[in-house]
Amino acid sequence: MQEKEIQPEEVQVRCYSGRRYAERPLSFSWRGQDIAVQEVLAWWREPAGPAFRLRTEMGTFVLLYEESSDRWWLRPSKA
């Protein structure tokens, strides 16, 4: 049985922006809740922009920033 792929959802993000925009996410609004980022577990660069694996009290998520459209996308993470 194949596992159903989870589609990313657009979210609003509050982030720290030091030398560049979207340097580190601090919190995000998802499904009517404001969720604080407890820890950034990993950071990498995708063709569309930066991506982060985050730990929150609701679980682990992947947050992607699409620079060309100035939009953030969220999906649950398996690890």
PDB file of N, CA and C in Angstrom:
ATOM      1  N   MET A   1       0.845  -1.185   0.000  1.00  0.00           N
ATOM      2  CA  MET A   1       0.000   0.000   0.000  1.00  0.00           C
ATOM      3  C   MET A   1       0.885   1.242   0.000  1.00  0.00           C
ATOM      4  N   GLN A   2       0.649   2.145  -0.930  1.00  0.00           N
ATOM      5  CA  GLN A   2       1.442   3.363  -1.010  1.00  0.00           C
ATOM      6  C   GLN A   2       0.919   4.393  -0.026  1.00  0.00           C
ATOM      7  N   GLU A   3       1.876   5.120   0.552  1.00  0.00           N
ATOM      8  CA  GLU A   3       1.524   6.186   1.474  1.00  0.00           C
ATOM      9  C   GLU A   3       1.104   7.410   0.668  1.00  0.00           C
ATOM     10  N   LYS A   4       0.010   8.051   1.055  1.00  0.00           N
ATOM     11  CA  LYS A   4      -0.477   9.241   0.365  1.00  0.00           C
ATOM     12  C   LYS A   4       0.460  10.411   0.664  1.00  0.00           C
ATOM     13  N   GLU A   5       0.882  11.094  -0.402  1.00  0.00           N
ATOM     14  CA  GLU A   5       1.765  12.238  -0.228  1.00  0.00           C
ATOM     15  C   GLU A   5       0.962  13.415   0.317  1.00  0.00           C
ATOM     16  N   ILE A   6       1.509  14.068   1.319  1.00  0.00           N
ATOM     17  CA  ILE A   6       0.851  15.206   1.944  1.00  0.00           C
ATOM     18  C   ILE A   6       1.213  16.463   1.167  1.00  0.00           C
ATOM     19  N   GLN A   7       0.195  17.188   0.730  1.00  0.00           N
ATOM     20  CA  GLN A   7       0.400  18.416  -0.026  1.00  0.00           C
ATOM     21  C   GLN A   7       0.716  19.565   0.933  1.00  0.00           C
ATOM     22  N   PRO A   8       1.675  20.420   0.571  1.00  0.00           N
ATOM     23  CA  PRO A   8       1.983  21.581   1.412  1.00  0.00           C
ATOM     24  C   PRO A   8       0.797  22.535   1.494  1.00  0.00           C
ATOM     25  N   GLU A   9       0.695  23.240   2.612  1.00  0.00           N
ATOM     26  CA  GLU A   9      -0.347  24.242   2.820  1.00  0.00           C
ATOM     27  C   GLU A   9       0.315  25.605   2.964  1.00  0.00           C
ATOM     28  N   GLU A  10      -0.286  26.618   2.371  1.00  0.00           N
ATOM     29  CA  GLU A  10       0.251  27.969   2.514  1.00  0.00           C
ATOM     30  C   GLU A  10       0.001  28.476   3.936  1.00  0.00           C
ATOM     31  N   VAL A  11       1.015  29.112   4.525  1.00  0.00           N
ATOM     32  CA  VAL A  11       0.915  29.632   5.893  1.00  0.00           C
ATOM     33  C   VAL A  11       1.528  31.025   5.963  1.00  0.00           C
ATOM     34  N   GLN A  12       1.191  31.729   7.023  1.00  0.00           N
ATOM     35  CA  GLN A  12       1.804  33.020   7.343  1.00  0.00           C
ATOM     36  C   GLN A  12       2.918  32.764   8.350  1.00  0.00           C
ATOM     37  N   VAL A  13       4.076  33.396   8.154  1.00  0.00           N
ATOM     38  CA  VAL A  13       5.245  33.126   8.985  1.00  0.00           C
ATOM     39  C   VAL A  13       5.803  34.434   9.538  1.00  0.00           C
ATOM     40  N   ARG A  14       6.192  34.383  10.800  1.00  0.00           N
ATOM     41  CA  ARG A  14       6.951  35.468  11.417  1.00  0.00           C
ATOM     42  C   ARG A  14       8.375  34.959  11.531  1.00  0.00           C
ATOM     43  N   CYS A  15       9.325  35.716  10.998  1.00  0.00           N
ATOM     44  CA  CYS A  15      10.694  35.213  10.987  1.00  0.00           C
ATOM     45  C   CYS A  15      11.686  36.284  11.401  1.00  0.00           C
ATOM     46  N   TYR A  16      12.841  35.827  11.835  1.00  0.00           N
ATOM     47  CA  TYR A  16      13.963  36.703  12.112  1.00  0.00           C
ATOM     48  C   TYR A  16      14.633  37.004  10.781  1.00  0.00           C
ATOM     49  N   SER A  17      14.890  38.270  10.530  1.00  0.00           N
ATOM     50  CA  SER A  17      15.567  38.676   9.303  1.00  0.00           C
ATOM     51  C   SER A  17      16.725  39.589   9.697  1.00  0.00           C
ATOM     52  N   GLY A  18      17.910  39.021   9.715  1.00  0.00           N
ATOM     53  CA  GLY A  18      19.107  39.777  10.069  1.00  0.00           C
ATOM     54  C   GLY A  18      19.757  40.326   8.820  1.00  0.00           C
ATOM     55  N   ARG A  19      20.748  39.624   8.329  1.00  0.00           N
ATOM     56  CA  ARG A  19      21.457  40.046   7.120  1.00  0.00           C
ATOM     57  C   ARG A  19      20.626  39.812   5.864  1.00  0.00           C
ATOM     58  N   ARG A  20      19.664  38.890   5.935  1.00  0.00           N
ATOM     59  CA  ARG A  20      18.811  38.602   4.795  1.00  0.00           C
ATOM     60  C   ARG A  20      17.404  38.269   5.301  1.00  0.00           C
ATOM     61  N   TYR A  21      16.412  38.373   4.409  1.00  0.00           N
ATOM     62  CA  TYR A  21      15.040  38.050   4.784  1.00  0.00           C
ATOM     63  C   TYR A  21      14.901  36.542   4.972  1.00  0.00           C
ATOM     64  N   ALA A  22      14.050  36.167   5.867  1.00  0.00           N
ATOM     65  CA  ALA A  22      13.724  34.751   6.127  1.00  0.00           C
ATOM     66  C   ALA A  22      14.949  33.981   6.607  1.00  0.00           C
ATOM     67  N   GLU A  23      15.699  34.604   7.500  1.00  0.00           N
ATOM     68  CA  GLU A  23      16.899  33.944   8.016  1.00  0.00           C
ATOM     69  C   GLU A  23      16.545  32.777   8.937  1.00  0.00           C
ATOM     70  N   ARG A  24      15.493  32.964   9.759  1.00  0.00           N
ATOM     71  CA  ARG A  24      15.092  31.899  10.684  1.00  0.00           C
ATOM     72  C   ARG A  24      13.624  32.106  11.083  1.00  0.00           C
ATOM     73  N   PRO A  25      12.756  31.116  10.861  1.00  0.00           N
ATOM     74  CA  PRO A  25      11.354  31.253  11.266  1.00  0.00           C
ATOM     75  C   PRO A  25      11.222  31.225  12.795  1.00  0.00           C
ATOM     76  N   LEU A  26      10.344  32.088  13.310  1.00  0.00           N
ATOM     77  CA  LEU A  26      10.087  32.151  14.753  1.00  0.00           C
ATOM     78  C   LEU A  26       8.740  31.535  15.119  1.00  0.00           C
ATOM     79  N   SER A  27       7.746  31.739  14.259  1.00  0.00           N
ATOM     80  CA  SER A  27       6.413  31.171  14.481  1.00  0.00           C
ATOM     81  C   SER A  27       5.663  31.191  13.158  1.00  0.00           C
ATOM     82  N   PHE A  28       4.544  30.450  13.124  1.00  0.00           N
ATOM     83  CA  PHE A  28       3.701  30.455  11.932  1.00  0.00           C
ATOM     84  C   PHE A  28       2.255  30.252  12.336  1.00  0.00           C
ATOM     85  N   SER A  29       1.347  30.729  11.481  1.00  0.00           N
ATOM     86  CA  SER A  29      -0.091  30.549  11.696  1.00  0.00           C
ATOM     87  C   SER A  29      -0.551  29.430  10.784  1.00  0.00           C
ATOM     88  N   TRP A  30      -1.169  28.414  11.384  1.00  0.00           N
ATOM     89  CA  TRP A  30      -1.594  27.230  10.637  1.00  0.00           C
ATOM     90  C   TRP A  30      -2.929  26.753  11.179  1.00  0.00           C
ATOM     91  N   ARG A  31      -3.909  26.677  10.300  1.00  0.00           N
ATOM     92  CA  ARG A  31      -5.248  26.191  10.659  1.00  0.00           C
ATOM     93  C   ARG A  31      -5.819  26.922  11.876  1.00  0.00           C
ATOM     94  N   GLY A  32      -5.631  28.250  11.873  1.00  0.00           N
ATOM     95  CA  GLY A  32      -6.194  29.088  12.927  1.00  0.00           C
ATOM     96  C   GLY A  32      -5.398  29.140  14.213  1.00  0.00           C
ATOM     97  N   GLN A  33      -4.232  28.532  14.256  1.00  0.00           N
ATOM     98  CA  GLN A  33      -3.411  28.532  15.464  1.00  0.00           C
ATOM     99  C   GLN A  33      -2.068  29.182  15.193  1.00  0.00           C
ATOM    100  N   ASP A  34      -1.567  29.946  16.185  1.00  0.00           N
ATOM    101  CA  ASP A  34      -0.208  30.467  16.125  1.00  0.00           C
ATOM    102  C   ASP A  34       0.695  29.456  16.801  1.00  0.00           C
ATOM    103  N   ILE A  35       1.704  29.006  16.087  1.00  0.00           N
ATOM    104  CA  ILE A  35       2.574  27.938  16.577  1.00  0.00           C
ATOM    105  C   ILE A  35       4.009  28.451  16.653  1.00  0.00           C
ATOM    106  N   ALA A  36       4.589  28.397  17.839  1.00  0.00           N
ATOM    107  CA  ALA A  36       5.965  28.846  18.047  1.00  0.00           C
ATOM    108  C   ALA A  36       6.940  27.761  17.599  1.00  0.00           C
ATOM    109  N   VAL A  37       8.031  28.196  16.997  1.00  0.00           N
ATOM    110  CA  VAL A  37       9.100  27.283  16.619  1.00  0.00           C
ATOM    111  C   VAL A  37       9.979  27.072  17.846  1.00  0.00           C
ATOM    112  N   GLN A  38      10.105  25.837  18.290  1.00  0.00           N
ATOM    113  CA  GLN A  38      10.955  25.535  19.433  1.00  0.00           C
ATOM    114  C   GLN A  38      12.409  25.362  19.031  1.00  0.00           C
ATOM    115  N   GLU A  39      12.620  24.791  17.838  1.00  0.00           N
ATOM    116  CA  GLU A  39      13.987  24.549  17.384  1.00  0.00           C
ATOM    117  C   GLU A  39      14.009  24.379  15.863  1.00  0.00           C
ATOM    118  N   VAL A  40      15.005  24.957  15.233  1.00  0.00           N
ATOM    119  CA  VAL A  40      15.255  24.692  13.814  1.00  0.00           C
ATOM    120  C   VAL A  40      16.196  23.493  13.771  1.00  0.00           C
ATOM    121  N   LEU A  41      15.694  22.360  13.286  1.00  0.00           N
ATOM    122  CA  LEU A  41      16.459  21.119  13.274  1.00  0.00           C
ATOM    123  C   LEU A  41      17.419  21.040  12.091  1.00  0.00           C
ATOM    124  N   ALA A  42      17.028  21.657  10.972  1.00  0.00           N
ATOM    125  CA  ALA A  42      17.874  21.638   9.774  1.00  0.00           C
ATOM    126  C   ALA A  42      17.472  22.797   8.884  1.00  0.00           C
ATOM    127  N   TRP A  43      18.428  23.242   8.079  1.00  0.00           N
ATOM    128  CA  TRP A  43      18.201  24.299   7.099  1.00  0.00           C
ATOM    129  C   TRP A  43      18.899  23.902   5.818  1.00  0.00           C
ATOM    130  N   TRP A  44      18.252  24.111   4.678  1.00  0.00           N
ATOM    131  CA  TRP A  44      18.870  23.838   3.385  1.00  0.00           C
ATOM    132  C   TRP A  44      18.262  24.767   2.350  1.00  0.00           C
ATOM    133  N   ARG A  45      18.858  24.762   1.188  1.00  0.00           N
ATOM    134  CA  ARG A  45      18.406  25.617   0.097  1.00  0.00           C
ATOM    135  C   ARG A  45      17.789  24.753  -0.992  1.00  0.00           C
ATOM    136  N   GLU A  46      16.570  25.082  -1.402  1.00  0.00           N
ATOM    137  CA  GLU A  46      15.904  24.439  -2.529  1.00  0.00           C
ATOM    138  C   GLU A  46      15.946  25.418  -3.695  1.00  0.00           C
ATOM    139  N   PRO A  47      15.639  24.978  -4.915  1.00  0.00           N
ATOM    140  CA  PRO A  47      15.641  25.925  -6.048  1.00  0.00           C
ATOM    141  C   PRO A  47      14.725  27.133  -5.828  1.00  0.00           C
ATOM    142  N   ALA A  48      13.600  26.949  -5.144  1.00  0.00           N
ATOM    143  CA  ALA A  48      12.644  28.041  -4.932  1.00  0.00           C
ATOM    144  C   ALA A  48      13.044  28.978  -3.794  1.00  0.00           C
ATOM    145  N   GLY A  49      13.892  28.502  -2.856  1.00  0.00           N
ATOM    146  CA  GLY A  49      14.279  29.324  -1.717  1.00  0.00           C
ATOM    147  C   GLY A  49      14.660  28.466  -0.523  1.00  0.00           C
ATOM    148  N   PRO A  50      14.816  29.090   0.653  1.00  0.00           N
ATOM    149  CA  PRO A  50      15.235  28.343   1.841  1.00  0.00           C
ATOM    150  C   PRO A  50      14.139  27.407   2.352  1.00  0.00           C
ATOM    151  N   ALA A  51      14.575  26.336   2.994  1.00  0.00           N
ATOM    152  CA  ALA A  51      13.670  25.360   3.610  1.00  0.00           C
ATOM    153  C   ALA A  51      14.188  25.047   5.012  1.00  0.00           C
ATOM    154  N   PHE A  52      13.273  24.758   5.917  1.00  0.00           N
ATOM    155  CA  PHE A  52      13.621  24.514   7.317  1.00  0.00           C
ATOM    156  C   PHE A  52      12.854  23.304   7.836  1.00  0.00           C
ATOM    157  N   ARG A  53      13.511  22.453   8.593  1.00  0.00           N
ATOM    158  CA  ARG A  53      12.815  21.405   9.351  1.00  0.00           C
ATOM    159  C   ARG A  53      12.741  21.912  10.781  1.00  0.00           C
ATOM    160  N   LEU A  54      11.519  21.994  11.320  1.00  0.00           N
ATOM    161  CA  LEU A  54      11.252  22.640  12.603  1.00  0.00           C
ATOM    162  C   LEU A  54      10.643  21.682  13.612  1.00  0.00           C
ATOM    163  N   ARG A  55      10.967  21.927  14.878  1.00  0.00           N
ATOM    164  CA  ARG A  55      10.290  21.217  15.974  1.00  0.00           C
ATOM    165  C   ARG A  55       9.387  22.217  16.675  1.00  0.00           C
ATOM    166  N   THR A  56       8.130  21.819  16.869  1.00  0.00           N
ATOM    167  CA  THR A  56       7.153  22.627  17.595  1.00  0.00           C
ATOM    168  C   THR A  56       6.472  21.718  18.614  1.00  0.00           C
ATOM    169  N   GLU A  57       5.651  22.286  19.463  1.00  0.00           N
ATOM    170  CA  GLU A  57       4.929  21.442  20.419  1.00  0.00           C
ATOM    171  C   GLU A  57       3.869  20.585  19.723  1.00  0.00           C
ATOM    172  N   MET A  58       3.537  20.921  18.475  1.00  0.00           N
ATOM    173  CA  MET A  58       2.559  20.135  17.719  1.00  0.00           C
ATOM    174  C   MET A  58       3.214  19.079  16.835  1.00  0.00           C
ATOM    175  N   GLY A  59       4.545  19.022  16.836  1.00  0.00           N
ATOM    176  CA  GLY A  59       5.233  18.037  16.020  1.00  0.00           C
ATOM    177  C   GLY A  59       6.332  18.661  15.184  1.00  0.00           C
ATOM    178  N   THR A  60       6.807  17.898  14.220  1.00  0.00           N
ATOM    179  CA  THR A  60       7.885  18.332  13.343  1.00  0.00           C
ATOM    180  C   THR A  60       7.315  18.687  11.975  1.00  0.00           C
ATOM    181  N   PHE A  61       7.764  19.810  11.422  1.00  0.00           N
ATOM    182  CA  PHE A  61       7.255  20.306  10.158  1.00  0.00           C
ATOM    183  C   PHE A  61       8.403  20.725   9.253  1.00  0.00           C
ATOM    184  N   VAL A  62       8.118  20.787   7.958  1.00  0.00           N
ATOM    185  CA  VAL A  62       9.028  21.379   6.989  1.00  0.00           C
ATOM    186  C   VAL A  62       8.368  22.654   6.482  1.00  0.00           C
ATOM    187  N   LEU A  63       9.114  23.742   6.553  1.00  0.00           N
ATOM    188  CA  LEU A  63       8.638  25.049   6.129  1.00  0.00           C
ATOM    189  C   LEU A  63       9.494  25.493   4.947  1.00  0.00           C
ATOM    190  N   LEU A  64       8.831  25.848   3.847  1.00  0.00           N
ATOM    191  CA  LEU A  64       9.527  26.235   2.616  1.00  0.00           C
ATOM    192  C   LEU A  64       9.150  27.661   2.243  1.00  0.00           C
ATOM    193  N   TYR A  65      10.140  28.466   1.885  1.00  0.00           N
ATOM    194  CA  TYR A  65       9.883  29.830   1.450  1.00  0.00           C
ATOM    195  C   TYR A  65      10.105  29.923  -0.056  1.00  0.00           C
ATOM    196  N   GLU A  66       9.074  30.318  -0.764  1.00  0.00           N
ATOM    197  CA  GLU A  66       9.130  30.482  -2.217  1.00  0.00           C
ATOM    198  C   GLU A  66       9.423  31.957  -2.515  1.00  0.00           C
ATOM    199  N   GLU A  67      10.687  32.247  -2.815  1.00  0.00           N
ATOM    200  CA  GLU A  67      11.123  33.638  -2.964  1.00  0.00           C
ATOM    201  C   GLU A  67      10.431  34.370  -4.102  1.00  0.00           C
ATOM    202  N   SER A  68      10.210  33.712  -5.219  1.00  0.00           N
ATOM    203  CA  SER A  68       9.639  34.396  -6.387  1.00  0.00           C
ATOM    204  C   SER A  68       8.219  34.910  -6.140  1.00  0.00           C
ATOM    205  N   SER A  69       7.456  34.234  -5.291  1.00  0.00           N
ATOM    206  CA  SER A  69       6.084  34.650  -5.017  1.00  0.00           C
ATOM    207  C   SER A  69       5.904  35.208  -3.602  1.00  0.00           C
ATOM    208  N   ASP A  70       6.989  35.202  -2.805  1.00  0.00           N
ATOM    209  CA  ASP A  70       6.949  35.677  -1.417  1.00  0.00           C
ATOM    210  C   ASP A  70       5.886  34.925  -0.607  1.00  0.00           C
ATOM    211  N   ARG A  71       5.864  33.592  -0.774  1.00  0.00           N
ATOM    212  CA  ARG A  71       4.892  32.754  -0.062  1.00  0.00           C
ATOM    213  C   ARG A  71       5.617  31.662   0.720  1.00  0.00           C
ATOM    214  N   TRP A  72       5.015  31.280   1.845  1.00  0.00           N
ATOM    215  CA  TRP A  72       5.527  30.208   2.691  1.00  0.00           C
ATOM    216  C   TRP A  72       4.611  28.991   2.579  1.00  0.00           C
ATOM    217  N   TRP A  73       5.214  27.797   2.590  1.00  0.00           N
ATOM    218  CA  TRP A  73       4.476  26.538   2.505  1.00  0.00           C
ATOM    219  C   TRP A  73       4.898  25.634   3.660  1.00  0.00           C
ATOM    220  N   LEU A  74       3.933  24.913   4.217  1.00  0.00           N
ATOM    221  CA  LEU A  74       4.182  24.034   5.353  1.00  0.00           C
ATOM    222  C   LEU A  74       3.687  22.633   5.066  1.00  0.00           C
ATOM    223  N   ARG A  75       4.469  21.649   5.523  1.00  0.00           N
ATOM    224  CA  ARG A  75       4.002  20.254   5.475  1.00  0.00           C
ATOM    225  C   ARG A  75       4.560  19.532   6.683  1.00  0.00           C
ATOM    226  N   PRO A  76       3.805  18.589   7.224  1.00  0.00           N
ATOM    227  CA  PRO A  76       4.322  17.781   8.333  1.00  0.00           C
ATOM    228  C   PRO A  76       5.563  17.011   7.878  1.00  0.00           C
ATOM    229  N   SER A  77       6.456  16.758   8.801  1.00  0.00           N
ATOM    230  CA  SER A  77       7.687  16.026   8.505  1.00  0.00           C
ATOM    231  C   SER A  77       7.611  14.642   9.142  1.00  0.00           C
ATOM    232  N   LYS A  78       8.201  13.672   8.468  1.00  0.00           N
ATOM    233  CA  LYS A  78       8.190  12.299   8.998  1.00  0.00           C
ATOM    234  C   LYS A  78       9.210  12.127  10.115  1.00  0.00           C
ATOM    235  N   ALA A  79      10.241  12.962  10.155  1.00  0.00           N
ATOM    236  CA  ALA A  79      11.285  12.800  11.176  1.00  0.00           C
ATOM    237  C   ALA A  79      11.509  14.079  11.930  1.00  0.00           C
TER     238      ALA A  79
END
